[in-house]
Amino acid sequence: MSNKIPGSAHPSLGLGGLVILGGAAGYIRKGSKPSLGAGLVFGGLLIGSGYMIATTDKQFEGHALAAGVSGLMTIAMGQRFLATGKFMPVGLVASVGAISAAYQTKKALEWS
Protein backbone atom coordinates (compact mmCIF):
# COMPACT_ATOMS: atom_id res chain seq x y z
CA MET A 1 0.00 0.00 0.00
CA SER A 2 1.22 3.48 -0.77
CA ASN A 3 1.87 6.10 1.90
CA LYS A 4 -1.12 8.11 0.70
CA ILE A 5 -4.15 8.16 2.99
CA PRO A 6 -7.30 7.35 0.98
CA GLY A 7 -9.98 10.03 0.90
CA SER A 8 -12.57 7.85 2.61
CA ALA A 9 -10.39 7.70 5.76
CA HIS A 10 -10.26 11.48 6.16
CA PRO A 11 -13.76 11.94 7.68
CA SER A 12 -13.04 9.36 10.39
CA LEU A 13 -9.63 10.76 11.19
CA GLY A 14 -10.82 14.38 11.18
CA LEU A 15 -13.96 13.79 13.22
CA GLY A 16 -12.01 11.64 15.67
CA GLY A 17 -9.55 14.46 16.26
CA LEU A 18 -12.34 16.99 16.70
CA VAL A 19 -14.20 14.75 19.16
CA ILE A 20 -11.06 14.34 21.27
CA LEU A 21 -10.51 18.11 21.24
CA GLY A 22 -14.16 18.69 22.14
CA GLY A 23 -13.94 16.31 25.08
CA ALA A 24 -10.78 18.03 26.28
CA ALA A 25 -12.45 21.44 25.91
CA GLY A 26 -15.41 20.26 27.98
CA TYR A 27 -13.04 19.12 30.69
CA ILE A 28 -10.98 22.32 30.62
CA ARG A 29 -13.98 24.68 30.57
CA LYS A 30 -16.38 22.86 32.90
CA GLY A 31 -14.26 20.23 34.62
CA SER A 32 -16.40 17.52 32.99
CA LYS A 33 -14.70 14.15 33.33
CA PRO A 34 -17.52 12.42 31.37
CA SER A 35 -16.85 14.78 28.44
CA LEU A 36 -13.16 13.99 28.54
CA GLY A 37 -13.76 10.25 28.80
CA ALA A 38 -16.37 10.15 26.05
CA GLY A 39 -14.21 12.36 23.82
CA LEU A 40 -11.21 10.08 24.25
CA VAL A 41 -13.19 6.86 23.72
CA PHE A 42 -15.34 8.01 20.79
CA GLY A 43 -12.53 10.00 19.19
CA GLY A 44 -10.10 7.13 19.63
CA LEU A 45 -12.53 4.69 18.02
CA LEU A 46 -13.07 7.05 15.08
CA ILE A 47 -9.32 7.48 14.60
CA GLY A 48 -8.95 3.70 14.85
CA SER A 49 -11.57 3.24 12.15
CA GLY A 50 -9.73 5.72 9.94
CA TYR A 51 -6.53 3.77 10.50
CA MET A 52 -8.31 0.55 9.51
CA ILE A 53 -9.61 2.17 6.33
CA ALA A 54 -6.23 3.69 5.44
CA THR A 55 -3.78 0.91 6.24
CA THR A 56 -5.54 -2.45 6.16
CA ASP A 57 -7.74 -4.40 3.79
CA LYS A 58 -10.64 -4.07 6.23
CA GLN A 59 -12.39 -1.08 4.70
CA PHE A 60 -15.84 -2.51 5.40
CA GLU A 61 -15.04 -3.05 9.06
CA GLY A 62 -13.48 0.41 9.38
CA HIS A 63 -16.49 2.14 7.87
CA ALA A 64 -18.89 -0.02 9.89
CA LEU A 65 -17.06 0.88 13.12
CA ALA A 66 -17.17 4.58 12.25
CA ALA A 67 -20.88 4.32 11.38
CA GLY A 68 -21.64 2.66 14.72
CA VAL A 69 -19.62 5.14 16.76
CA SER A 70 -21.17 8.07 14.88
CA GLY A 71 -24.65 6.63 15.42
CA LEU A 72 -24.08 6.24 19.16
CA MET A 73 -22.73 9.76 19.33
CA THR A 74 -25.82 11.04 17.48
CA ILE A 75 -28.20 9.23 19.84
CA ALA A 76 -26.44 10.34 23.02
CA MET A 77 -26.02 13.96 22.03
CA GLY A 78 -29.41 14.11 20.31
CA GLN A 79 -31.09 13.12 23.58
CA ARG A 80 -29.20 15.86 25.40
CA PHE A 81 -30.17 18.36 22.69
CA LEU A 82 -33.84 17.44 23.02
CA ALA A 83 -33.64 17.78 26.81
CA THR A 84 -31.84 21.14 26.82
CA GLY A 85 -32.84 22.70 23.51
CA LYS A 86 -29.34 24.18 23.23
CA PHE A 87 -27.70 23.74 19.83
CA MET A 88 -24.16 24.41 21.06
CA PRO A 89 -22.43 22.08 21.54
CA VAL A 90 -24.77 19.08 21.79
CA GLY A 91 -26.97 19.88 18.80
CA LEU A 92 -23.93 20.48 16.61
CA VAL A 93 -22.29 17.21 17.68
CA ALA A 94 -25.55 15.32 17.11
CA SER A 95 -25.88 16.84 13.64
CA VAL A 96 -22.30 16.11 12.63
CA GLY A 97 -22.64 12.59 14.06
CA ALA A 98 -25.74 11.97 11.96
CA ILE A 99 -24.00 13.16 8.80
CA SER A 100 -21.00 10.98 9.61
CA ALA A 101 -23.19 7.95 10.33
CA ALA A 102 -24.95 8.35 6.97
CA TYR A 103 -21.67 8.73 5.07
CA GLN A 104 -19.96 5.85 6.85
CA THR A 105 -22.98 3.56 6.35
CA LYS A 106 -22.97 4.37 2.63
CA LYS A 107 -19.24 3.61 2.39
CA ALA A 108 -19.59 0.38 4.40
CA LEU A 109 -22.32 -0.80 2.04
CA GLU A 110 -20.07 -0.07 -0.93
CA TRP A 111 -17.42 -2.40 0.56
CA SER A 112 -19.80 -5.19 1.62
C-alpha atoms as a PDB file:
ATOM      1  CA  MET A   1       0.000   0.000   0.000  1.00  0.00           C
ATOM      2  CA  SER A   2       1.219   3.483  -0.771  1.00  0.00           C
ATOM      3  CA  ASN A   3       1.869   6.098   1.897  1.00  0.00           C
ATOM      4  CA  LYS A   4      -1.117   8.108   0.705  1.00  0.00           C
ATOM      5  CA  ILE A   5      -4.151   8.156   2.993  1.00  0.00           C
ATOM      6  CA  PRO A   6      -7.299   7.349   0.983  1.00  0.00           C
ATOM      7  CA  GLY A   7      -9.978  10.030   0.903  1.00  0.00           C
ATOM      8  CA  SER A   8     -12.569   7.847   2.612  1.00  0.00           C
ATOM      9  CA  ALA A   9     -10.394   7.697   5.755  1.00  0.00           C
ATOM     10  CA  HIS A  10     -10.261  11.480   6.161  1.00  0.00           C
ATOM     11  CA  PRO A  11     -13.757  11.938   7.678  1.00  0.00           C
ATOM     12  CA  SER A  12     -13.043   9.358  10.393  1.00  0.00           C
ATOM     13  CA  LEU A  13      -9.625  10.761  11.193  1.00  0.00           C
ATOM     14  CA  GLY A  14     -10.817  14.383  11.179  1.00  0.00           C
ATOM     15  CA  LEU A  15     -13.960  13.788  13.221  1.00  0.00           C
ATOM     16  CA  GLY A  16     -12.011  11.638  15.667  1.00  0.00           C
ATOM     17  CA  GLY A  17      -9.555  14.457  16.262  1.00  0.00           C
ATOM     18  CA  LEU A  18     -12.344  16.992  16.702  1.00  0.00           C
ATOM     19  CA  VAL A  19     -14.197  14.750  19.158  1.00  0.00           C
ATOM     20  CA  ILE A  20     -11.057  14.336  21.269  1.00  0.00           C
ATOM     21  CA  LEU A  21     -10.507  18.109  21.239  1.00  0.00           C
ATOM     22  CA  GLY A  22     -14.161  18.694  22.140  1.00  0.00           C
ATOM     23  CA  GLY A  23     -13.938  16.310  25.083  1.00  0.00           C
ATOM     24  CA  ALA A  24     -10.781  18.033  26.278  1.00  0.00           C
ATOM     25  CA  ALA A  25     -12.446  21.439  25.912  1.00  0.00           C
ATOM     26  CA  GLY A  26     -15.414  20.257  27.979  1.00  0.00           C
ATOM     27  CA  TYR A  27     -13.041  19.120  30.694  1.00  0.00           C
ATOM     28  CA  ILE A  28     -10.984  22.321  30.625  1.00  0.00           C
ATOM     29  CA  ARG A  29     -13.975  24.681  30.566  1.00  0.00           C
ATOM     30  CA  LYS A  30     -16.379  22.861  32.896  1.00  0.00           C
ATOM     31  CA  GLY A  31     -14.256  20.227  34.621  1.00  0.00           C
ATOM     32  CA  SER A  32     -16.397  17.524  32.991  1.00  0.00           C
ATOM     33  CA  LYS A  33     -14.698  14.154  33.331  1.00  0.00           C
ATOM     34  CA  PRO A  34     -17.517  12.421  31.371  1.00  0.00           C
ATOM     35  CA  SER A  35     -16.849  14.782  28.444  1.00  0.00           C
ATOM     36  CA  LEU A  36     -13.160  13.992  28.541  1.00  0.00           C
ATOM     37  CA  GLY A  37     -13.761  10.245  28.803  1.00  0.00           C
ATOM     38  CA  ALA A  38     -16.367  10.151  26.050  1.00  0.00           C
ATOM     39  CA  GLY A  39     -14.213  12.355  23.820  1.00  0.00           C
ATOM     40  CA  LEU A  40     -11.214  10.076  24.250  1.00  0.00           C
ATOM     41  CA  VAL A  41     -13.194   6.857  23.723  1.00  0.00           C
ATOM     42  CA  PHE A  42     -15.344   8.010  20.795  1.00  0.00           C
ATOM     43  CA  GLY A  43     -12.531   9.996  19.189  1.00  0.00           C
ATOM     44  CA  GLY A  44     -10.101   7.127  19.630  1.00  0.00           C
ATOM     45  CA  LEU A  45     -12.533   4.687  18.021  1.00  0.00           C
ATOM     46  CA  LEU A  46     -13.074   7.049  15.082  1.00  0.00           C
ATOM     47  CA  ILE A  47      -9.324   7.480  14.601  1.00  0.00           C
ATOM     48  CA  GLY A  48      -8.946   3.700  14.854  1.00  0.00           C
ATOM     49  CA  SER A  49     -11.568   3.242  12.152  1.00  0.00           C
ATOM     50  CA  GLY A  50      -9.732   5.723   9.938  1.00  0.00           C
ATOM     51  CA  TYR A  51      -6.531   3.771  10.504  1.00  0.00           C
ATOM     52  CA  MET A  52      -8.310   0.554   9.513  1.00  0.00           C
ATOM     53  CA  ILE A  53      -9.607   2.173   6.334  1.00  0.00           C
ATOM     54  CA  ALA A  54      -6.232   3.686   5.443  1.00  0.00           C
ATOM     55  CA  THR A  55      -3.783   0.905   6.244  1.00  0.00           C
ATOM     56  CA  THR A  56      -5.539  -2.450   6.159  1.00  0.00           C
ATOM     57  CA  ASP A  57      -7.735  -4.399   3.792  1.00  0.00           C
ATOM     58  CA  LYS A  58     -10.640  -4.067   6.231  1.00  0.00           C
ATOM     59  CA  GLN A  59     -12.391  -1.075   4.696  1.00  0.00           C
ATOM     60  CA  PHE A  60     -15.845  -2.510   5.397  1.00  0.00           C
ATOM     61  CA  GLU A  61     -15.037  -3.052   9.064  1.00  0.00           C
ATOM     62  CA  GLY A  62     -13.482   0.413   9.383  1.00  0.00           C
ATOM     63  CA  HIS A  63     -16.491   2.145   7.869  1.00  0.00           C
ATOM     64  CA  ALA A  64     -18.895  -0.019   9.892  1.00  0.00           C
ATOM     65  CA  LEU A  65     -17.065   0.880  13.123  1.00  0.00           C
ATOM     66  CA  ALA A  66     -17.170   4.580  12.246  1.00  0.00           C
ATOM     67  CA  ALA A  67     -20.883   4.323  11.385  1.00  0.00           C
ATOM     68  CA  GLY A  68     -21.639   2.657  14.721  1.00  0.00           C
ATOM     69  CA  VAL A  69     -19.619   5.143  16.758  1.00  0.00           C
ATOM     70  CA  SER A  70     -21.175   8.074  14.884  1.00  0.00           C
ATOM     71  CA  GLY A  71     -24.649   6.628  15.415  1.00  0.00           C
ATOM     72  CA  LEU A  72     -24.079   6.239  19.158  1.00  0.00           C
ATOM     73  CA  MET A  73     -22.729   9.761  19.333  1.00  0.00           C
ATOM     74  CA  THR A  74     -25.817  11.039  17.484  1.00  0.00           C
ATOM     75  CA  ILE A  75     -28.202   9.232  19.838  1.00  0.00           C
ATOM     76  CA  ALA A  76     -26.438  10.337  23.022  1.00  0.00           C
ATOM     77  CA  MET A  77     -26.016  13.958  22.026  1.00  0.00           C
ATOM     78  CA  GLY A  78     -29.406  14.105  20.313  1.00  0.00           C
ATOM     79  CA  GLN A  79     -31.093  13.123  23.580  1.00  0.00           C
ATOM     80  CA  ARG A  80     -29.200  15.864  25.397  1.00  0.00           C
ATOM     81  CA  PHE A  81     -30.169  18.358  22.694  1.00  0.00           C
ATOM     82  CA  LEU A  82     -33.843  17.436  23.016  1.00  0.00           C
ATOM     83  CA  ALA A  83     -33.635  17.783  26.805  1.00  0.00           C
ATOM     84  CA  THR A  84     -31.839  21.144  26.824  1.00  0.00           C
ATOM     85  CA  GLY A  85     -32.838  22.701  23.506  1.00  0.00           C
ATOM     86  CA  LYS A  86     -29.335  24.176  23.228  1.00  0.00           C
ATOM     87  CA  PHE A  87     -27.697  23.744  19.831  1.00  0.00           C
ATOM     88  CA  MET A  88     -24.158  24.408  21.057  1.00  0.00           C
ATOM     89  CA  PRO A  89     -22.427  22.083  21.544  1.00  0.00           C
ATOM     90  CA  VAL A  90     -24.774  19.081  21.787  1.00  0.00           C
ATOM     91  CA  GLY A  91     -26.965  19.876  18.797  1.00  0.00           C
ATOM     92  CA  LEU A  92     -23.932  20.477  16.615  1.00  0.00           C
ATOM     93  CA  VAL A  93     -22.292  17.209  17.684  1.00  0.00           C
ATOM     94  CA  ALA A  94     -25.548  15.319  17.113  1.00  0.00           C
ATOM     95  CA  SER A  95     -25.882  16.837  13.638  1.00  0.00           C
ATOM     96  CA  VAL A  96     -22.298  16.113  12.634  1.00  0.00           C
ATOM     97  CA  GLY A  97     -22.635  12.595  14.059  1.00  0.00           C
ATOM     98  CA  ALA A  98     -25.744  11.969  11.958  1.00  0.00           C
ATOM     99  CA  ILE A  99     -24.000  13.162   8.797  1.00  0.00           C
ATOM    100  CA  SER A 100     -20.999  10.981   9.612  1.00  0.00           C
ATOM    101  CA  ALA A 101     -23.191   7.953  10.332  1.00  0.00           C
ATOM    102  CA  ALA A 102     -24.948   8.352   6.973  1.00  0.00           C
ATOM    103  CA  TYR A 103     -21.671   8.733   5.070  1.00  0.00           C
ATOM    104  CA  GLN A 104     -19.959   5.850   6.848  1.00  0.00           C
ATOM    105  CA  THR A 105     -22.976   3.561   6.348  1.00  0.00           C
ATOM    106  CA  LYS A 106     -22.965   4.369   2.625  1.00  0.00           C
ATOM    107  CA  LYS A 107     -19.235   3.610   2.393  1.00  0.00           C
ATOM    108  CA  ALA A 108     -19.587   0.380   4.399  1.00  0.00           C
ATOM    109  CA  LEU A 109     -22.324  -0.799   2.044  1.00  0.00           C
ATOM    110  CA  GLU A 110     -20.065  -0.066  -0.931  1.00  0.00           C
ATOM    111  CA  TRP A 111     -17.420  -2.401   0.564  1.00  0.00           C
ATOM    112  CA  SER A 112     -19.805  -5.185   1.616  1.00  0.00           C
END
